[in-house]
PDB file of all heavy atoms in Angstrom:
ATOM      1  N   PRO A   1       0.864  -1.182   0.000  1.00  0.00           N
ATOM      2  CA  PRO A   1       0.000   0.000   0.000  1.00  0.00           C
ATOM      3  C   PRO A   1       0.903   1.235   0.000  1.00  0.00           C
ATOM      4  O   PRO A   1       1.905   1.255   0.715  1.00  0.00           O
ATOM      5  CB  PRO A   1      -0.769  -0.103   1.319  1.00  0.00           C
ATOM      6  CG  PRO A   1      -0.564  -1.500   1.795  1.00  0.00           C
ATOM      7  CD  PRO A   1       0.743  -1.961   1.235  1.00  0.00           C
ATOM      8  N   ILE A   2       0.606   2.230  -0.819  1.00  0.00           N
ATOM      9  CA  ILE A   2       1.478   3.406  -0.836  1.00  0.00           C
ATOM     10  C   ILE A   2       1.489   4.052   0.542  1.00  0.00           C
ATOM     11  O   ILE A   2       0.497   4.013   1.279  1.00  0.00           O
ATOM     12  CB  ILE A   2       1.079   4.422  -1.920  1.00  0.00           C
ATOM     13  CG1 ILE A   2      -0.319   4.994  -1.675  1.00  0.00           C
ATOM     14  CG2 ILE A   2       1.173   3.809  -3.296  1.00  0.00           C
ATOM     15  CD1 ILE A   2      -0.609   6.202  -2.520  1.00  0.00           C
ATOM     16  N   ALA A   3       2.609   4.638   0.893  1.00  0.00           N
ATOM     17  CA  ALA A   3       2.794   5.152   2.249  1.00  0.00           C
ATOM     18  C   ALA A   3       1.963   6.391   2.546  1.00  0.00           C
ATOM     19  O   ALA A   3       1.682   6.693   3.702  1.00  0.00           O
ATOM     20  CB  ALA A   3       4.278   5.454   2.474  1.00  0.00           C
ATOM     21  N   THR A   4       1.581   7.127   1.515  1.00  0.00           N
ATOM     22  CA  THR A   4       0.826   8.363   1.728  1.00  0.00           C
ATOM     23  C   THR A   4      -0.644   8.047   1.961  1.00  0.00           C
ATOM     24  O   THR A   4      -1.353   7.625   1.045  1.00  0.00           O
ATOM     25  CB  THR A   4       0.956   9.304   0.521  1.00  0.00           C
ATOM     26  OG1 THR A   4       2.334   9.593   0.302  1.00  0.00           O
ATOM     27  CG2 THR A   4       0.209  10.599   0.774  1.00  0.00           C
ATOM     28  N   ILE A   5      -1.100   8.246   3.191  1.00  0.00           N
ATOM     29  CA  ILE A   5      -2.513   8.135   3.525  1.00  0.00           C
ATOM     30  C   ILE A   5      -2.952   9.438   4.179  1.00  0.00           C
ATOM     31  O   ILE A   5      -2.154  10.128   4.817  1.00  0.00           O
ATOM     32  CB  ILE A   5      -2.804   6.935   4.442  1.00  0.00           C
ATOM     33  CG1 ILE A   5      -2.009   7.032   5.744  1.00  0.00           C
ATOM     34  CG2 ILE A   5      -2.498   5.620   3.723  1.00  0.00           C
ATOM     35  CD1 ILE A   5      -2.333   5.930   6.731  1.00  0.00           C
ATOM     36  N   LEU A   6      -4.217   9.792   3.987  1.00  0.00           N
ATOM     37  CA  LEU A   6      -4.696  11.103   4.429  1.00  0.00           C
ATOM     38  C   LEU A   6      -5.276  11.067   5.835  1.00  0.00           C
ATOM     39  O   LEU A   6      -6.249  11.749   6.154  1.00  0.00           O
ATOM     40  CB  LEU A   6      -5.735  11.621   3.426  1.00  0.00           C
ATOM     41  CG  LEU A   6      -5.256  11.716   1.974  1.00  0.00           C
ATOM     42  CD1 LEU A   6      -6.347  12.276   1.080  1.00  0.00           C
ATOM     43  CD2 LEU A   6      -3.991  12.564   1.876  1.00  0.00           C
ATOM     44  N   LYS A   7      -4.677  10.256   6.694  1.00  0.00           N
ATOM     45  CA  LYS A   7      -5.080  10.170   8.091  1.00  0.00           C
ATOM     46  C   LYS A   7      -3.931  10.617   8.981  1.00  0.00           C
ATOM     47  O   LYS A   7      -2.762  10.541   8.601  1.00  0.00           O
ATOM     48  CB  LYS A   7      -5.466   8.735   8.450  1.00  0.00           C
ATOM     49  CG  LYS A   7      -6.741   8.237   7.783  1.00  0.00           C
ATOM     50  CD  LYS A   7      -7.102   6.851   8.291  1.00  0.00           C
ATOM     51  CE  LYS A   7      -8.428   6.387   7.708  1.00  0.00           C
ATOM     52  NZ  LYS A   7      -8.839   5.072   8.257  1.00  0.00           N
ATOM     53  N   GLU A   8      -4.255  11.079  10.169  1.00  0.00           N
ATOM     54  CA  GLU A   8      -3.217  11.499  11.108  1.00  0.00           C
ATOM     55  C   GLU A   8      -2.394  10.299  11.557  1.00  0.00           C
ATOM     56  O   GLU A   8      -2.926   9.235  11.857  1.00  0.00           O
ATOM     57  CB  GLU A   8      -3.837  12.178  12.322  1.00  0.00           C
ATOM     58  CG  GLU A   8      -2.797  12.739  13.289  1.00  0.00           C
ATOM     59  CD  GLU A   8      -3.416  13.515  14.435  1.00  0.00           C
ATOM     60  OE1 GLU A   8      -3.652  14.726  14.264  1.00  0.00           O
ATOM     61  OE2 GLU A   8      -3.662  12.892  15.487  1.00  0.00           O
ATOM     62  N   GLN A   9      -1.064  10.478  11.546  1.00  0.00           N
ATOM     63  CA  GLN A   9      -0.147   9.424  11.981  1.00  0.00           C
ATOM     64  C   GLN A   9       0.907  10.020  12.908  1.00  0.00           C
ATOM     65  O   GLN A   9       1.197  11.219  12.855  1.00  0.00           O
ATOM     66  CB  GLN A   9       0.552   8.788  10.780  1.00  0.00           C
ATOM     67  CG  GLN A   9      -0.385   8.124   9.793  1.00  0.00           C
ATOM     68  CD  GLN A   9       0.386   7.539   8.627  1.00  0.00           C
ATOM     69  OE1 GLN A   9       0.861   6.400   8.688  1.00  0.00           O
ATOM     70  NE2 GLN A   9       0.535   8.320   7.571  1.00  0.00           N
ATOM     71  N   ASN A  10       1.490   9.154  13.718  1.00  0.00           N
ATOM     72  CA  ASN A  10       2.547   9.589  14.617  1.00  0.00           C
ATOM     73  C   ASN A  10       3.903   9.408  13.949  1.00  0.00           C
ATOM     74  O   ASN A  10       4.135   8.439  13.227  1.00  0.00           O
ATOM     75  CB  ASN A  10       2.507   8.782  15.919  1.00  0.00           C
ATOM     76  CG  ASN A  10       1.240   9.033  16.709  1.00  0.00           C
ATOM     77  OD1 ASN A  10       0.784  10.173  16.817  1.00  0.00           O
ATOM     78  ND2 ASN A  10       0.663   7.979  17.261  1.00  0.00           N
ATOM     79  N   THR A  11       4.796  10.366  14.187  1.00  0.00           N
ATOM     80  CA  THR A  11       6.128  10.303  13.585  1.00  0.00           C
ATOM     81  C   THR A  11       7.082  11.162  14.406  1.00  0.00           C
ATOM     82  O   THR A  11       6.779  11.509  15.554  1.00  0.00           O
ATOM     83  CB  THR A  11       6.067  10.778  12.121  1.00  0.00           C
ATOM     84  OG1 THR A  11       7.351  10.563  11.513  1.00  0.00           O
ATOM     85  CG2 THR A  11       5.670  12.226  11.992  1.00  0.00           C
ATOM     86  N   VAL A  12       8.227  11.494  13.828  1.00  0.00           N
ATOM     87  CA  VAL A  12       9.162  12.430  14.455  1.00  0.00           C
ATOM     88  C   VAL A  12       9.574  13.462  13.418  1.00  0.00           C
ATOM     89  O   VAL A  12       9.415  13.247  12.214  1.00  0.00           O
ATOM     90  CB  VAL A  12      10.422  11.713  15.011  1.00  0.00           C
ATOM     91  CG1 VAL A  12      10.046  10.691  16.064  1.00  0.00           C
ATOM     92  CG2 VAL A  12      11.201  11.055  13.887  1.00  0.00           C
ATOM     93  N   ASN A  13      10.107  14.587  13.866  1.00  0.00           N
ATOM     94  CA  ASN A  13      10.609  15.602  12.940  1.00  0.00           C
ATOM     95  C   ASN A  13      12.136  15.620  12.977  1.00  0.00           C
ATOM     96  O   ASN A  13      12.763  14.844  13.702  1.00  0.00           O
ATOM     97  CB  ASN A  13      10.010  16.974  13.252  1.00  0.00           C
ATOM     98  CG  ASN A  13      10.351  17.462  14.654  1.00  0.00           C
ATOM     99  OD1 ASN A  13      11.367  17.078  15.243  1.00  0.00           O
ATOM    100  ND2 ASN A  13       9.493  18.322  15.206  1.00  0.00           N
ATOM    101  N   LYS A  14      12.727  16.496  12.180  1.00  0.00           N
ATOM    102  CA  LYS A  14      14.189  16.508  12.050  1.00  0.00           C
ATOM    103  C   LYS A  14      14.884  16.976  13.325  1.00  0.00           C
ATOM    104  O   LYS A  14      16.104  16.824  13.458  1.00  0.00           O
ATOM    105  CB  LYS A  14      14.602  17.368  10.873  1.00  0.00           C
ATOM    106  CG  LYS A  14      14.412  18.860  11.055  1.00  0.00           C
ATOM    107  CD  LYS A  14      14.955  19.598   9.842  1.00  0.00           C
ATOM    108  CE  LYS A  14      14.921  21.110  10.034  1.00  0.00           C
ATOM    109  NZ  LYS A  14      15.477  21.822   8.850  1.00  0.00           N
ATOM    110  N   HIS A  15      14.109  17.511  14.275  1.00  0.00           N
ATOM    111  CA  HIS A  15      14.670  17.939  15.556  1.00  0.00           C
ATOM    112  C   HIS A  15      14.608  16.829  16.602  1.00  0.00           C
ATOM    113  O   HIS A  15      14.991  17.037  17.753  1.00  0.00           O
ATOM    114  CB  HIS A  15      13.918  19.167  16.069  1.00  0.00           C
ATOM    115  CG  HIS A  15      13.858  20.299  15.086  1.00  0.00           C
ATOM    116  ND1 HIS A  15      14.972  20.975  14.657  1.00  0.00           N
ATOM    117  CD2 HIS A  15      12.797  20.852  14.427  1.00  0.00           C
ATOM    118  CE1 HIS A  15      14.623  21.909  13.773  1.00  0.00           C
ATOM    119  NE2 HIS A  15      13.315  21.850  13.620  1.00  0.00           N
ATOM    120  N   GLY A  16      14.108  15.649  16.191  1.00  0.00           N
ATOM    121  CA  GLY A  16      14.026  14.534  17.115  1.00  0.00           C
ATOM    122  C   GLY A  16      12.813  14.580  18.020  1.00  0.00           C
ATOM    123  O   GLY A  16      12.752  13.851  19.024  1.00  0.00           O
ATOM    124  N   GLU A  17      11.836  15.391  17.671  1.00  0.00           N
ATOM    125  CA  GLU A  17      10.621  15.515  18.480  1.00  0.00           C
ATOM    126  C   GLU A  17       9.527  14.596  17.935  1.00  0.00           C
ATOM    127  O   GLU A  17       9.333  14.512  16.716  1.00  0.00           O
ATOM    128  CB  GLU A  17      10.122  16.962  18.456  1.00  0.00           C
ATOM    129  CG  GLU A  17      11.141  17.959  18.982  1.00  0.00           C
ATOM    130  CD  GLU A  17      10.761  19.403  18.643  1.00  0.00           C
ATOM    131  OE1 GLU A  17      10.085  19.615  17.611  1.00  0.00           O
ATOM    132  OE2 GLU A  17      11.141  20.300  19.421  1.00  0.00           O
ATOM    133  N   GLU A  18       8.826  13.912  18.829  1.00  0.00           N
ATOM    134  CA  GLU A  18       7.703  13.089  18.421  1.00  0.00           C
ATOM    135  C   GLU A  18       6.493  13.985  18.168  1.00  0.00           C
ATOM    136  O   GLU A  18       6.115  14.786  19.028  1.00  0.00           O
ATOM    137  CB  GLU A  18       7.385  12.051  19.492  1.00  0.00           C
ATOM    138  CG  GLU A  18       8.509  11.033  19.678  1.00  0.00           C
ATOM    139  CD  GLU A  18       8.142   9.951  20.684  1.00  0.00           C
ATOM    140  OE1 GLU A  18       7.059  10.040  21.284  1.00  0.00           O
ATOM    141  OE2 GLU A  18       8.956   9.019  20.856  1.00  0.00           O
ATOM    142  N   VAL A  19       5.911  13.857  16.987  1.00  0.00           N
ATOM    143  CA  VAL A  19       4.790  14.724  16.591  1.00  0.00           C
ATOM    144  C   VAL A  19       3.734  13.894  15.857  1.00  0.00           C
ATOM    145  O   VAL A  19       3.977  12.754  15.462  1.00  0.00           O
ATOM    146  CB  VAL A  19       5.262  15.868  15.666  1.00  0.00           C
ATOM    147  CG1 VAL A  19       6.241  16.791  16.389  1.00  0.00           C
ATOM    148  CG2 VAL A  19       5.903  15.299  14.389  1.00  0.00           C
ATOM    149  N   ALA A  20       2.581  14.497  15.662  1.00  0.00           N
ATOM    150  CA  ALA A  20       1.537  13.909  14.820  1.00  0.00           C
ATOM    151  C   ALA A  20       1.505  14.699  13.515  1.00  0.00           C
ATOM    152  O   ALA A  20       1.747  15.912  13.499  1.00  0.00           O
ATOM    153  CB  ALA A  20       0.188  13.969  15.522  1.00  0.00           C
ATOM    154  N   THR A  21       1.229  14.026  12.429  1.00  0.00           N
ATOM    155  CA  THR A  21       1.195  14.716  11.140  1.00  0.00           C
ATOM    156  C   THR A  21       0.069  14.184  10.279  1.00  0.00           C
ATOM    157  O   THR A  21      -0.339  13.027  10.388  1.00  0.00           O
ATOM    158  CB  THR A  21       2.537  14.537  10.388  1.00  0.00           C
ATOM    159  OG1 THR A  21       2.531  15.325   9.199  1.00  0.00           O
ATOM    160  CG2 THR A  21       2.766  13.088   9.999  1.00  0.00           C
ATOM    161  N   THR A  22      -0.434  15.056   9.417  1.00  0.00           N
ATOM    162  CA  THR A  22      -1.446  14.682   8.433  1.00  0.00           C
ATOM    163  C   THR A  22      -0.954  15.134   7.067  1.00  0.00           C
ATOM    164  O   THR A  22      -0.621  16.303   6.873  1.00  0.00           O
ATOM    165  CB  THR A  22      -2.801  15.340   8.725  1.00  0.00           C
ATOM    166  OG1 THR A  22      -3.226  14.964  10.041  1.00  0.00           O
ATOM    167  CG2 THR A  22      -3.852  14.873   7.716  1.00  0.00           C
ATOM    168  N   VAL A  23      -0.887  14.215   6.132  1.00  0.00           N
ATOM    169  CA  VAL A  23      -0.396  14.518   4.792  1.00  0.00           C
ATOM    170  C   VAL A  23      -1.526  15.106   3.956  1.00  0.00           C
ATOM    171  O   VAL A  23      -2.665  14.655   4.019  1.00  0.00           O
ATOM    172  CB  VAL A  23       0.146  13.250   4.113  1.00  0.00           C
ATOM    173  CG1 VAL A  23       0.596  13.546   2.694  1.00  0.00           C
ATOM    174  CG2 VAL A  23       1.307  12.683   4.926  1.00  0.00           C
ATOM    175  N   LYS A  24      -1.176  16.131   3.186  1.00  0.00           N
ATOM    176  CA  LYS A  24      -2.125  16.732   2.264  1.00  0.00           C
ATOM    177  C   LYS A  24      -1.765  16.311   0.836  1.00  0.00           C
ATOM    178  O   LYS A  24      -0.878  15.520   0.620  1.00  0.00           O
ATOM    179  CB  LYS A  24      -2.088  18.255   2.396  1.00  0.00           C
ATOM    180  CG  LYS A  24      -2.423  18.779   3.785  1.00  0.00           C
ATOM    181  CD  LYS A  24      -2.300  20.289   3.840  1.00  0.00           C
ATOM    182  CE  LYS A  24      -2.573  20.812   5.250  1.00  0.00           C
ATOM    183  NZ  LYS A  24      -2.411  22.292   5.323  1.00  0.00           N
ATOM    184  N   GLY A  25      -2.463  16.869  -0.135  1.00  0.00           N
ATOM    185  CA  GLY A  25      -2.113  16.606  -1.528  1.00  0.00           C
ATOM    186  C   GLY A  25      -3.031  15.602  -2.199  1.00  0.00           C
ATOM    187  O   GLY A  25      -4.040  15.166  -1.640  1.00  0.00           O
ATOM    188  N   ARG A  26      -2.640  15.213  -3.430  1.00  0.00           N
ATOM    189  CA  ARG A  26      -3.442  14.307  -4.261  1.00  0.00           C
ATOM    190  C   ARG A  26      -2.640  13.037  -4.507  1.00  0.00           C
ATOM    191  O   ARG A  26      -1.529  13.093  -5.030  1.00  0.00           O
ATOM    192  CB  ARG A  26      -3.782  15.001  -5.593  1.00  0.00           C
ATOM    193  CG  ARG A  26      -4.560  16.306  -5.418  1.00  0.00           C
ATOM    194  CD  ARG A  26      -4.370  17.233  -6.597  1.00  0.00           C
ATOM    195  NE  ARG A  26      -2.995  17.692  -6.718  1.00  0.00           N
ATOM    196  CZ  ARG A  26      -2.528  18.380  -7.760  1.00  0.00           C
ATOM    197  NH1 ARG A  26      -3.333  18.676  -8.765  1.00  0.00           N
ATOM    198  NH2 ARG A  26      -1.272  18.755  -7.799  1.00  0.00           N
ATOM    199  N   HIS A  27      -3.221  11.914  -4.119  1.00  0.00           N
ATOM    200  CA  HIS A  27      -2.452  10.677  -4.136  1.00  0.00           C
ATOM    201  C   HIS A  27      -3.315   9.494  -4.582  1.00  0.00           C
ATOM    202  O   HIS A  27      -4.533   9.503  -4.446  1.00  0.00           O
ATOM    203  CB  HIS A  27      -1.874  10.409  -2.741  1.00  0.00           C
ATOM    204  CG  HIS A  27      -1.122  11.561  -2.169  1.00  0.00           C
ATOM    205  ND1 HIS A  27       0.161  11.866  -2.551  1.00  0.00           N
ATOM    206  CD2 HIS A  27      -1.492  12.513  -1.269  1.00  0.00           C
ATOM    207  CE1 HIS A  27       0.570  12.958  -1.897  1.00  0.00           C
ATOM    208  NE2 HIS A  27      -0.423  13.365  -1.116  1.00  0.00           N
ATOM    209  N   ASP A  28      -2.656   8.451  -5.085  1.00  0.00           N
ATOM    210  CA  ASP A  28      -3.350   7.239  -5.496  1.00  0.00           C
ATOM    211  C   ASP A  28      -3.713   6.394  -4.275  1.00  0.00           C
ATOM    212  O   ASP A  28      -2.843   6.135  -3.436  1.00  0.00           O
ATOM    213  CB  ASP A  28      -2.452   6.393  -6.401  1.00  0.00           C
ATOM    214  CG  ASP A  28      -2.193   7.037  -7.744  1.00  0.00           C
ATOM    215  OD1 ASP A  28      -3.032   6.895  -8.625  1.00  0.00           O
ATOM    216  OD2 ASP A  28      -1.132   7.690  -7.904  1.00  0.00           O
ATOM    217  N   PRO A  29      -4.962   5.930  -4.174  1.00  0.00           N
ATOM    218  CA  PRO A  29      -5.291   4.986  -3.102  1.00  0.00           C
ATOM    219  C   PRO A  29      -4.700   3.605  -3.373  1.00  0.00           C
ATOM    220  O   PRO A  29      -4.481   2.815  -2.467  1.00  0.00           O
ATOM    221  CB  PRO A  29      -6.824   4.950  -3.113  1.00  0.00           C
ATOM    222  CG  PRO A  29      -7.194   5.315  -4.520  1.00  0.00           C
ATOM    223  CD  PRO A  29      -6.148   6.297  -4.970  1.00  0.00           C
ATOM    224  N   CYS A  30      -4.440   3.320  -4.652  1.00  0.00           N
ATOM    225  CA  CYS A  30      -3.827   2.056  -5.063  1.00  0.00           C
ATOM    226  C   CYS A  30      -2.990   2.333  -6.300  1.00  0.00           C
ATOM    227  O   CYS A  30      -3.494   2.866  -7.288  1.00  0.00           O
ATOM    228  CB  CYS A  30      -4.898   1.006  -5.366  1.00  0.00           C
ATOM    229  SG  CYS A  30      -4.233  -0.585  -5.916  1.00  0.00           S
TER     230      CYS A  30
END
């Protein structure tokens, strides 16, 4: 499954902080 999904997910940023993120844009579901 492509990694880009339009739901909130947990990750980290380049500063080493744990954050939540939601991807925007236009993407294939499959």
